[in-house]
Amino acid sequence: MKRRFRPEPLQSHAEATSDLTADQFVEIEGQRIHVTSTGEGPGLLLLHGLTASCYSFREIVPLLSGEFRVVTMDLNGFGLTERPSDPAAYGLEHQADLVAKVLDRLGITTTAVLGHSYGAAVAAMFSKRFPQHCGRLIFVSPASSFDPLPWYLKFAPGQELVYRLCRRLLSDPDRYRRVAGRAFHVGGVFDETVAEVYRGHLLIEGLRPTWYGFLRSMRDPRYPGSAYDGLEKPVLILGGENDLIVSSAKCQALAKRIPGALLERIADCGHSAPEERPGEVVAAVRRFLAES
């Protein structure tokens, strides 16, 4: 008899964060947001991409914290931030508002912002909604467009089926590593240890509202590209030459859309430059922010 598939159980937020201390969280309207703040100097906020977390910046934070007050936070739906039940909380505007509330709680009035992949769209939206609090912008492999949703995701049965397939993927460590590994070009970076951290950060209660919340946003054909329209801050775009997720051509197209934007390519690098080429990312950040 064929065994019925049982997905790996989701951890409660309390279980997933039991090893952390209270000072690693900021509470906003009853929600616990995972935040780190390291170093002193001008503010530099780092925003991660889809299915990622603050962990994405583990290589570059130590390199930058000698010159900047480096802040990372897990956005709604990811990492060790408590998942909201309201689908609206996963929209770009709400994510940008959450960023502003966290910075206010930390007493940071102005900060440069580096956004990776989806985090670049959040950074752009934050800049537009709170221009007085945002300085220069650095977009690393910025997500500026998604493929149109397939027809079956327009209907509840298809949405539920894909959610269950995602649960199945996350319950299979080897398969998850193969699929998520497309975001990496440099060998040895996305090893078993790293993959398990990312997988564990996704297997937290609230996965279902996260899925349906992002699905709601992705129904808008302008998502997330419209976040980059009308930007008035200095912008640097960094793209990996071997990125299979956001191609060099897409980075170039976005650079042309943003007046005055600078574009730099990182050789022998995939989608995850802060992990694959931390030295090159840090050097580019230093050069760009030194101009302000």
C-alpha atoms as a PDB file:
ATOM      1  CA  MET A   1       0.000   0.000   0.000  1.00  0.00           C
ATOM      2  CA  LYS A   2       1.280   3.433  -0.962  1.00  0.00           C
ATOM      3  CA  ARG A   3       1.979   5.649   2.024  1.00  0.00           C
ATOM      4  CA  ARG A   4       0.129   8.932   2.244  1.00  0.00           C
ATOM      5  CA  PHE A   5       2.489  11.891   2.021  1.00  0.00           C
ATOM      6  CA  ARG A   6       2.783  13.825   5.266  1.00  0.00           C
ATOM      7  CA  PRO A   7       4.436  17.243   4.979  1.00  0.00           C
ATOM      8  CA  GLU A   8       7.058  18.231   7.496  1.00  0.00           C
ATOM      9  CA  PRO A   9       5.294  20.016  10.374  1.00  0.00           C
ATOM     10  CA  LEU A  10       5.489  23.780  10.630  1.00  0.00           C
ATOM     11  CA  GLN A  11       7.107  25.195  13.745  1.00  0.00           C
ATOM     12  CA  SER A  12       5.308  27.773  15.820  1.00  0.00           C
ATOM     13  CA  HIS A  13       6.946  31.184  15.837  1.00  0.00           C
ATOM     14  CA  ALA A  14       7.720  30.726  19.535  1.00  0.00           C
ATOM     15  CA  GLU A  15       9.521  27.445  18.830  1.00  0.00           C
ATOM     16  CA  ALA A  16      11.450  28.845  15.874  1.00  0.00           C
ATOM     17  CA  THR A  17      12.720  31.823  17.881  1.00  0.00           C
ATOM     18  CA  SER A  18      13.270  30.148  21.247  1.00  0.00           C
ATOM     19  CA  ASP A  19      17.060  30.580  21.033  1.00  0.00           C
ATOM     20  CA  LEU A  20      16.891  34.315  20.356  1.00  0.00           C
ATOM     21  CA  THR A  21      16.839  37.148  22.895  1.00  0.00           C
ATOM     22  CA  ALA A  22      14.266  39.917  23.243  1.00  0.00           C
ATOM     23  CA  ASP A  23      16.628  42.561  21.872  1.00  0.00           C
ATOM     24  CA  GLN A  24      16.607  40.783  18.498  1.00  0.00           C
ATOM     25  CA  PHE A  25      12.978  41.737  17.985  1.00  0.00           C
ATOM     26  CA  VAL A  26      10.978  44.922  17.601  1.00  0.00           C
ATOM     27  CA  GLU A  27       7.284  44.710  18.433  1.00  0.00           C
ATOM     28  CA  ILE A  28       5.026  46.647  16.085  1.00  0.00           C
ATOM     29  CA  GLU A  29       1.294  46.648  16.862  1.00  0.00           C
ATOM     30  CA  GLY A  30       1.586  43.273  18.567  1.00  0.00           C
ATOM     31  CA  GLN A  31       3.713  41.660  15.843  1.00  0.00           C
ATOM     32  CA  ARG A  32       7.292  40.547  16.577  1.00  0.00           C
ATOM     33  CA  ILE A  33       9.704  41.651  13.840  1.00  0.00           C
ATOM     34  CA  HIS A  34      13.162  40.071  13.707  1.00  0.00           C
ATOM     35  CA  VAL A  35      15.720  42.886  13.487  1.00  0.00           C
ATOM     36  CA  THR A  36      19.488  43.188  13.843  1.00  0.00           C
ATOM     37  CA  SER A  37      21.427  46.420  14.329  1.00  0.00           C
ATOM     38  CA  THR A  38      25.231  46.376  14.189  1.00  0.00           C
ATOM     39  CA  GLY A  39      27.907  49.056  14.181  1.00  0.00           C
ATOM     40  CA  GLU A  40      27.863  52.836  14.336  1.00  0.00           C
ATOM     41  CA  GLY A  41      27.778  55.589  11.734  1.00  0.00           C
ATOM     42  CA  PRO A  42      25.406  56.499   8.890  1.00  0.00           C
ATOM     43  CA  GLY A  43      22.431  54.179   8.573  1.00  0.00           C
ATOM     44  CA  LEU A  44      22.417  51.350   6.039  1.00  0.00           C
ATOM     45  CA  LEU A  45      19.337  49.136   5.851  1.00  0.00           C
ATOM     46  CA  LEU A  46      19.533  45.741   4.121  1.00  0.00           C
ATOM     47  CA  LEU A  47      16.321  44.182   2.756  1.00  0.00           C
ATOM     48  CA  HIS A  48      16.281  40.536   1.619  1.00  0.00           C
ATOM     49  CA  GLY A  49      14.459  38.853  -1.252  1.00  0.00           C
ATOM     50  CA  LEU A  50      11.598  36.370  -1.592  1.00  0.00           C
ATOM     51  CA  THR A  51      11.943  33.166   0.463  1.00  0.00           C
ATOM     52  CA  ALA A  52      15.089  34.605   2.078  1.00  0.00           C
ATOM     53  CA  SER A  53      15.833  36.449   5.339  1.00  0.00           C
ATOM     54  CA  CYS A  54      18.406  38.553   7.210  1.00  0.00           C
ATOM     55  CA  TYR A  55      20.611  35.481   6.914  1.00  0.00           C
ATOM     56  CA  SER A  56      21.288  36.473   3.290  1.00  0.00           C
ATOM     57  CA  PHE A  57      23.528  39.273   4.551  1.00  0.00           C
ATOM     58  CA  ARG A  58      25.611  37.310   7.036  1.00  0.00           C
ATOM     59  CA  GLU A  59      28.774  37.795   4.925  1.00  0.00           C
ATOM     60  CA  ILE A  60      28.515  41.533   4.308  1.00  0.00           C
ATOM     61  CA  VAL A  61      27.231  42.822   7.668  1.00  0.00           C
ATOM     62  CA  PRO A  62      30.602  42.306   9.443  1.00  0.00           C
ATOM     63  CA  LEU A  63      32.399  44.017   6.546  1.00  0.00           C
ATOM     64  CA  LEU A  64      30.152  47.095   6.638  1.00  0.00           C
ATOM     65  CA  SER A  65      29.496  47.523  10.360  1.00  0.00           C
ATOM     66  CA  GLY A  66      32.838  49.264  10.914  1.00  0.00           C
ATOM     67  CA  GLU A  67      31.593  52.238   8.870  1.00  0.00           C
ATOM     68  CA  PHE A  68      27.803  52.121   9.085  1.00  0.00           C
ATOM     69  CA  ARG A  69      24.999  51.322  11.446  1.00  0.00           C
ATOM     70  CA  VAL A  70      23.831  48.259   9.545  1.00  0.00           C
ATOM     71  CA  VAL A  71      20.229  47.203  10.098  1.00  0.00           C
ATOM     72  CA  THR A  72      18.616  44.041   8.760  1.00  0.00           C
ATOM     73  CA  MET A  73      15.022  42.911   9.195  1.00  0.00           C
ATOM     74  CA  ASP A  74      12.956  39.940   8.125  1.00  0.00           C
ATOM     75  CA  LEU A  75      10.060  41.152   6.005  1.00  0.00           C
ATOM     76  CA  ASN A  76       6.507  39.900   6.423  1.00  0.00           C
ATOM     77  CA  GLY A  77       6.325  36.237   5.480  1.00  0.00           C
ATOM     78  CA  PHE A  78       9.959  35.319   5.920  1.00  0.00           C
ATOM     79  CA  GLY A  79      12.785  34.590   8.308  1.00  0.00           C
ATOM     80  CA  LEU A  80      12.007  34.890  11.993  1.00  0.00           C
ATOM     81  CA  THR A  81       9.407  37.647  11.794  1.00  0.00           C
ATOM     82  CA  GLU A  82       5.949  36.670  13.023  1.00  0.00           C
ATOM     83  CA  ARG A  83       3.604  36.040  10.082  1.00  0.00           C
ATOM     84  CA  PRO A  84       0.498  38.259   9.886  1.00  0.00           C
ATOM     85  CA  SER A  85      -2.822  36.660   9.028  1.00  0.00           C
ATOM     86  CA  ASP A  86      -4.030  39.627   6.925  1.00  0.00           C
ATOM     87  CA  PRO A  87      -3.202  39.047   3.215  1.00  0.00           C
ATOM     88  CA  ALA A  88      -2.789  42.806   2.731  1.00  0.00           C
ATOM     89  CA  ALA A  89       0.303  42.721   4.974  1.00  0.00           C
ATOM     90  CA  TYR A  90       2.254  41.075   2.151  1.00  0.00           C
ATOM     91  CA  GLY A  91       1.777  43.931  -0.334  1.00  0.00           C
ATOM     92  CA  LEU A  92       4.672  46.243  -1.169  1.00  0.00           C
ATOM     93  CA  GLU A  93       3.028  49.248   0.469  1.00  0.00           C
ATOM     94  CA  HIS A  94       2.528  47.402   3.737  1.00  0.00           C
ATOM     95  CA  GLN A  95       6.071  46.038   3.673  1.00  0.00           C
ATOM     96  CA  ALA A  96       7.404  49.580   3.137  1.00  0.00           C
ATOM     97  CA  ASP A  97       5.253  50.872   5.983  1.00  0.00           C
ATOM     98  CA  LEU A  98       6.606  48.126   8.235  1.00  0.00           C
ATOM     99  CA  VAL A  99      10.163  49.191   7.348  1.00  0.00           C
ATOM    100  CA  ALA A 100       9.345  52.770   8.321  1.00  0.00           C
ATOM    101  CA  LYS A 101       7.856  51.698  11.655  1.00  0.00           C
ATOM    102  CA  VAL A 102      10.895  49.566  12.495  1.00  0.00           C
ATOM    103  CA  LEU A 103      13.293  52.400  11.697  1.00  0.00           C
ATOM    104  CA  ASP A 104      11.236  54.800  13.786  1.00  0.00           C
ATOM    105  CA  ARG A 105      11.352  52.368  16.712  1.00  0.00           C
ATOM    106  CA  LEU A 106      15.145  52.150  16.318  1.00  0.00           C
ATOM    107  CA  GLY A 107      15.465  55.939  16.243  1.00  0.00           C
ATOM    108  CA  ILE A 108      16.872  56.029  12.710  1.00  0.00           C
ATOM    109  CA  THR A 109      15.720  59.116  10.832  1.00  0.00           C
ATOM    110  CA  THR A 110      17.584  58.669   7.527  1.00  0.00           C
ATOM    111  CA  THR A 111      19.229  55.634   5.974  1.00  0.00           C
ATOM    112  CA  ALA A 112      20.647  54.351   2.730  1.00  0.00           C
ATOM    113  CA  VAL A 113      18.888  51.165   1.644  1.00  0.00           C
ATOM    114  CA  LEU A 114      20.215  48.077  -0.109  1.00  0.00           C
ATOM    115  CA  GLY A 115      17.526  45.774  -1.427  1.00  0.00           C
ATOM    116  CA  HIS A 116      18.195  42.335  -2.876  1.00  0.00           C
ATOM    117  CA  SER A 117      15.792  40.890  -5.459  1.00  0.00           C
ATOM    118  CA  TYR A 118      12.236  41.439  -4.101  1.00  0.00           C
ATOM    119  CA  GLY A 119      13.820  43.538  -1.355  1.00  0.00           C
ATOM    120  CA  ALA A 120      14.807  46.057  -4.046  1.00  0.00           C
ATOM    121  CA  ALA A 121      11.130  46.606  -4.873  1.00  0.00           C
ATOM    122  CA  VAL A 122      10.384  47.104  -1.161  1.00  0.00           C
ATOM    123  CA  ALA A 123      13.285  49.562  -0.945  1.00  0.00           C
ATOM    124  CA  ALA A 124      11.960  51.482  -3.954  1.00  0.00           C
ATOM    125  CA  MET A 125       8.471  51.641  -2.449  1.00  0.00           C
ATOM    126  CA  PHE A 126       9.906  52.782   0.889  1.00  0.00           C
ATOM    127  CA  SER A 127      11.796  55.556  -0.906  1.00  0.00           C
ATOM    128  CA  LYS A 128       8.616  56.784  -2.585  1.00  0.00           C
ATOM    129  CA  ARG A 129       6.402  56.610   0.504  1.00  0.00           C
ATOM    130  CA  PHE A 130       8.989  57.981   2.948  1.00  0.00           C
ATOM    131  CA  PRO A 131      11.454  60.074   0.898  1.00  0.00           C
ATOM    132  CA  GLN A 132      12.456  62.109   3.944  1.00  0.00           C
ATOM    133  CA  HIS A 133      13.791  58.977   5.637  1.00  0.00           C
ATOM    134  CA  CYS A 134      15.520  57.396   2.640  1.00  0.00           C
ATOM    135  CA  GLY A 135      18.942  58.204   1.240  1.00  0.00           C
ATOM    136  CA  ARG A 136      20.729  56.481  -1.606  1.00  0.00           C
ATOM    137  CA  LEU A 137      19.417  53.196  -3.020  1.00  0.00           C
ATOM    138  CA  ILE A 138      21.350  50.080  -3.988  1.00  0.00           C
ATOM    139  CA  PHE A 139      19.464  47.383  -5.876  1.00  0.00           C
ATOM    140  CA  VAL A 140      21.141  43.965  -6.095  1.00  0.00           C
ATOM    141  CA  SER A 141      19.630  41.707  -8.781  1.00  0.00           C
ATOM    142  CA  PRO A 142      16.400  43.720  -8.501  1.00  0.00           C
ATOM    143  CA  ALA A 143      13.121  41.950  -9.193  1.00  0.00           C
ATOM    144  CA  SER A 144      11.266  44.315 -11.512  1.00  0.00           C
ATOM    145  CA  SER A 145       8.868  41.898 -13.228  1.00  0.00           C
ATOM    146  CA  PHE A 146       7.356  38.461 -12.759  1.00  0.00           C
ATOM    147  CA  ASP A 147       5.957  36.130 -15.369  1.00  0.00           C
ATOM    148  CA  PRO A 148       2.148  36.303 -15.672  1.00  0.00           C
ATOM    149  CA  LEU A 149       0.382  33.922 -13.328  1.00  0.00           C
ATOM    150  CA  PRO A 150      -0.703  30.657 -15.016  1.00  0.00           C
ATOM    151  CA  TRP A 151      -4.429  30.298 -15.541  1.00  0.00           C
ATOM    152  CA  TYR A 152      -4.904  27.716 -12.794  1.00  0.00           C
ATOM    153  CA  LEU A 153      -3.744  30.183 -10.117  1.00  0.00           C
ATOM    154  CA  LYS A 154      -6.796  32.301 -10.849  1.00  0.00           C
ATOM    155  CA  PHE A 155      -8.981  29.660  -9.181  1.00  0.00           C
ATOM    156  CA  ALA A 156      -9.098  28.423  -5.592  1.00  0.00           C
ATOM    157  CA  PRO A 157      -8.404  24.716  -6.379  1.00  0.00           C
ATOM    158  CA  GLY A 158      -5.267  25.616  -8.345  1.00  0.00           C
ATOM    159  CA  GLN A 159      -4.058  27.947  -5.618  1.00  0.00           C
ATOM    160  CA  GLU A 160      -4.497  25.281  -2.974  1.00  0.00           C
ATOM    161  CA  LEU A 161      -2.825  22.623  -5.142  1.00  0.00           C
ATOM    162  CA  VAL A 162       0.269  24.791  -5.654  1.00  0.00           C
ATOM    163  CA  TYR A 163       0.390  25.574  -1.947  1.00  0.00           C
ATOM    164  CA  ARG A 164       0.440  21.838  -1.207  1.00  0.00           C
ATOM    165  CA  LEU A 165       3.162  21.322  -3.809  1.00  0.00           C
ATOM    166  CA  CYS A 166       5.209  23.998  -2.063  1.00  0.00           C
ATOM    167  CA  ARG A 167       4.734  22.161   1.233  1.00  0.00           C
ATOM    168  CA  ARG A 168       5.916  18.977  -0.454  1.00  0.00           C
ATOM    169  CA  LEU A 169       9.010  20.746  -1.843  1.00  0.00           C
ATOM    170  CA  LEU A 170       9.886  22.222   1.547  1.00  0.00           C
ATOM    171  CA  SER A 171       9.505  18.793   3.135  1.00  0.00           C
ATOM    172  CA  ASP A 172      12.182  17.314   0.855  1.00  0.00           C
ATOM    173  CA  PRO A 173      15.607  18.785   1.782  1.00  0.00           C
ATOM    174  CA  ASP A 174      17.410  17.441  -1.280  1.00  0.00           C
ATOM    175  CA  ARG A 175      14.814  18.608  -3.767  1.00  0.00           C
ATOM    176  CA  TYR A 176      14.514  21.975  -2.061  1.00  0.00           C
ATOM    177  CA  ARG A 177      18.270  22.464  -2.307  1.00  0.00           C
ATOM    178  CA  ARG A 178      18.253  21.617  -6.018  1.00  0.00           C
ATOM    179  CA  VAL A 179      15.440  24.046  -6.779  1.00  0.00           C
ATOM    180  CA  ALA A 180      16.609  26.910  -4.566  1.00  0.00           C
ATOM    181  CA  GLY A 181      20.175  26.360  -5.722  1.00  0.00           C
ATOM    182  CA  ARG A 182      19.319  28.031  -9.052  1.00  0.00           C
ATOM    183  CA  ALA A 183      19.843  31.330  -7.252  1.00  0.00           C
ATOM    184  CA  PHE A 184      23.554  30.536  -6.827  1.00  0.00           C
ATOM    185  CA  HIS A 185      26.309  30.303  -9.426  1.00  0.00           C
ATOM    186  CA  VAL A 186      29.408  30.021  -7.240  1.00  0.00           C
ATOM    187  CA  GLY A 187      29.915  26.446  -6.093  1.00  0.00           C
ATOM    188  CA  GLY A 188      29.978  25.605  -2.405  1.00  0.00           C
ATOM    189  CA  VAL A 189      28.043  28.659  -1.210  1.00  0.00           C
ATOM    190  CA  PHE A 190      24.587  27.086  -1.033  1.00  0.00           C
ATOM    191  CA  ASP A 191      25.733  24.014   0.850  1.00  0.00           C
ATOM    192  CA  GLU A 192      23.580  21.720   2.972  1.00  0.00           C
ATOM    193  CA  THR A 193      23.986  23.836   6.122  1.00  0.00           C
ATOM    194  CA  VAL A 194      22.967  27.064   4.404  1.00  0.00           C
ATOM    195  CA  ALA A 195      20.064  25.395   2.618  1.00  0.00           C
ATOM    196  CA  GLU A 196      18.724  24.003   5.881  1.00  0.00           C
ATOM    197  CA  VAL A 197      18.750  27.440   7.507  1.00  0.00           C
ATOM    198  CA  TYR A 198      16.690  28.878   4.654  1.00  0.00           C
ATOM    199  CA  ARG A 199      14.348  25.880   4.586  1.00  0.00           C
ATOM    200  CA  GLY A 200      13.852  26.071   8.342  1.00  0.00           C
ATOM    201  CA  HIS A 201      12.972  29.761   8.117  1.00  0.00           C
ATOM    202  CA  LEU A 202      10.189  28.896   5.682  1.00  0.00           C
ATOM    203  CA  LEU A 203       8.744  26.004   7.689  1.00  0.00           C
ATOM    204  CA  ILE A 204       7.160  28.317  10.262  1.00  0.00           C
ATOM    205  CA  GLU A 205       3.448  28.708  10.986  1.00  0.00           C
ATOM    206  CA  GLY A 206       1.985  31.336   8.731  1.00  0.00           C
ATOM    207  CA  LEU A 207       3.160  29.768   5.475  1.00  0.00           C
ATOM    208  CA  ARG A 208      -0.394  29.599   4.146  1.00  0.00           C
ATOM    209  CA  PRO A 209      -1.256  33.311   4.662  1.00  0.00           C
ATOM    210  CA  THR A 210       2.168  34.160   3.231  1.00  0.00           C
ATOM    211  CA  TRP A 211       1.408  32.189   0.067  1.00  0.00           C
ATOM    212  CA  TYR A 212      -2.049  33.662  -0.372  1.00  0.00           C
ATOM    213  CA  GLY A 213      -0.859  37.151   0.512  1.00  0.00           C
ATOM    214  CA  PHE A 214       1.832  37.172  -2.159  1.00  0.00           C
ATOM    215  CA  LEU A 215      -0.508  35.535  -4.639  1.00  0.00           C
ATOM    216  CA  ARG A 216      -2.914  38.430  -4.113  1.00  0.00           C
ATOM    217  CA  SER A 217      -0.150  40.942  -4.914  1.00  0.00           C
ATOM    218  CA  MET A 218       0.986  39.050  -7.996  1.00  0.00           C
ATOM    219  CA  ARG A 219      -2.426  39.354  -9.616  1.00  0.00           C
ATOM    220  CA  ASP A 220      -1.542  42.970 -10.386  1.00  0.00           C
ATOM    221  CA  PRO A 221       0.307  42.956 -13.763  1.00  0.00           C
ATOM    222  CA  ARG A 222       2.283  46.034 -12.661  1.00  0.00           C
ATOM    223  CA  TYR A 223       3.732  44.158  -9.660  1.00  0.00           C
ATOM    224  CA  PRO A 224       6.442  44.729  -8.648  1.00  0.00           C
ATOM    225  CA  GLY A 225       7.696  46.905 -11.504  1.00  0.00           C
ATOM    226  CA  SER A 226       5.588  49.963 -10.716  1.00  0.00           C
ATOM    227  CA  ALA A 227       7.528  50.392  -7.450  1.00  0.00           C
ATOM    228  CA  TYR A 228      10.475  51.714  -9.463  1.00  0.00           C
ATOM    229  CA  ASP A 229       8.506  54.405 -11.334  1.00  0.00           C
ATOM    230  CA  GLY A 230       9.268  57.994 -10.382  1.00  0.00           C
ATOM    231  CA  LEU A 231      12.296  57.339  -8.179  1.00  0.00           C
ATOM    232  CA  GLU A 232      14.187  60.518  -7.342  1.00  0.00           C
ATOM    233  CA  LYS A 233      17.047  59.149  -5.236  1.00  0.00           C
ATOM    234  CA  PRO A 234      20.507  58.203  -6.551  1.00  0.00           C
ATOM    235  CA  VAL A 235      20.424  54.523  -7.541  1.00  0.00           C
ATOM    236  CA  LEU A 236      23.112  51.885  -8.048  1.00  0.00           C
ATOM    237  CA  ILE A 237      22.127  48.564  -9.618  1.00  0.00           C
ATOM    238  CA  LEU A 238      24.366  45.519  -9.119  1.00  0.00           C
ATOM    239  CA  GLY A 239      23.767  42.434 -11.235  1.00  0.00           C
ATOM    240  CA  GLY A 240      25.476  39.058 -11.401  1.00  0.00           C
ATOM    241  CA  GLU A 241      26.617  38.161 -14.907  1.00  0.00           C
ATOM    242  CA  ASN A 242      25.473  34.551 -14.400  1.00  0.00           C
ATOM    243  CA  ASP A 243      22.146  35.328 -12.722  1.00  0.00           C
ATOM    244  CA  LEU A 244      19.457  32.832 -13.800  1.00  0.00           C
ATOM    245  CA  ILE A 245      16.690  34.680 -11.918  1.00  0.00           C
ATOM    246  CA  VAL A 246      17.196  38.339 -12.882  1.00  0.00           C
ATOM    247  CA  SER A 247      19.202  38.500 -16.092  1.00  0.00           C
ATOM    248  CA  SER A 248      21.757  41.157 -17.005  1.00  0.00           C
ATOM    249  CA  ALA A 249      19.315  42.335 -19.674  1.00  0.00           C
ATOM    250  CA  LYS A 250      16.630  42.961 -17.038  1.00  0.00           C
ATOM    251  CA  CYS A 251      19.090  44.907 -14.883  1.00  0.00           C
ATOM    252  CA  GLN A 252      20.048  46.999 -17.881  1.00  0.00           C
ATOM    253  CA  ALA A 253      16.415  47.656 -18.779  1.00  0.00           C
ATOM    254  CA  LEU A 254      15.656  48.798 -15.239  1.00  0.00           C
ATOM    255  CA  ALA A 255      18.710  51.064 -15.216  1.00  0.00           C
ATOM    256  CA  LYS A 256      17.392  52.780 -18.352  1.00  0.00           C
ATOM    257  CA  ARG A 257      14.018  53.365 -16.666  1.00  0.00           C
ATOM    258  CA  ILE A 258      15.524  55.166 -13.659  1.00  0.00           C
ATOM    259  CA  PRO A 259      17.044  58.574 -14.467  1.00  0.00           C
ATOM    260  CA  GLY A 260      20.723  58.701 -13.542  1.00  0.00           C
ATOM    261  CA  ALA A 261      20.907  55.100 -12.316  1.00  0.00           C
ATOM    262  CA  LEU A 262      24.329  53.470 -12.347  1.00  0.00           C
ATOM    263  CA  LEU A 263      24.754  49.834 -13.374  1.00  0.00           C
ATOM    264  CA  GLU A 264      27.624  47.546 -12.364  1.00  0.00           C
ATOM    265  CA  ARG A 265      27.990  43.888 -13.246  1.00  0.00           C
ATOM    266  CA  ILE A 266      29.683  41.346 -10.999  1.00  0.00           C
ATOM    267  CA  ALA A 267      31.577  38.666 -12.894  1.00  0.00           C
ATOM    268  CA  ASP A 268      31.241  34.957 -12.101  1.00  0.00           C
ATOM    269  CA  CYS A 269      28.197  35.594  -9.900  1.00  0.00           C
ATOM    270  CA  GLY A 270      24.603  34.430  -9.832  1.00  0.00           C
ATOM    271  CA  HIS A 271      21.518  35.873  -8.186  1.00  0.00           C
ATOM    272  CA  SER A 272      22.892  35.934  -4.644  1.00  0.00           C
ATOM    273  CA  ALA A 273      25.798  38.382  -4.800  1.00  0.00           C
ATOM    274  CA  PRO A 274      25.837  39.230  -1.051  1.00  0.00           C
ATOM    275  CA  GLU A 275      26.610  35.553  -0.395  1.00  0.00           C
ATOM    276  CA  GLU A 276      28.550  34.660  -3.538  1.00  0.00           C
ATOM    277  CA  ARG A 277      30.683  37.801  -3.924  1.00  0.00           C
ATOM    278  CA  PRO A 278      30.492  39.703  -0.622  1.00  0.00           C
ATOM    279  CA  GLY A 279      33.772  41.554  -1.177  1.00  0.00           C
ATOM    280  CA  GLU A 280      32.662  42.959  -4.525  1.00  0.00           C
ATOM    281  CA  VAL A 281      29.277  43.997  -3.117  1.00  0.00           C
ATOM    282  CA  VAL A 282      30.852  45.767  -0.139  1.00  0.00           C
ATOM    283  CA  ALA A 283      33.361  47.576  -2.357  1.00  0.00           C
ATOM    284  CA  ALA A 284      30.567  48.820  -4.628  1.00  0.00           C
ATOM    285  CA  VAL A 285      28.477  49.944  -1.642  1.00  0.00           C
ATOM    286  CA  ARG A 286      31.407  51.878  -0.180  1.00  0.00           C
ATOM    287  CA  ARG A 287      32.159  53.651  -3.467  1.00  0.00           C
ATOM    288  CA  PHE A 288      28.561  54.600  -4.068  1.00  0.00           C
ATOM    289  CA  LEU A 289      27.802  55.813  -0.555  1.00  0.00           C
ATOM    290  CA  ALA A 290      31.064  57.780  -0.395  1.00  0.00           C
ATOM    291  CA  GLU A 291      29.621  60.004  -3.119  1.00  0.00           C
ATOM    292  CA  SER A 292      26.769  61.223  -0.928  1.00  0.00           C
END
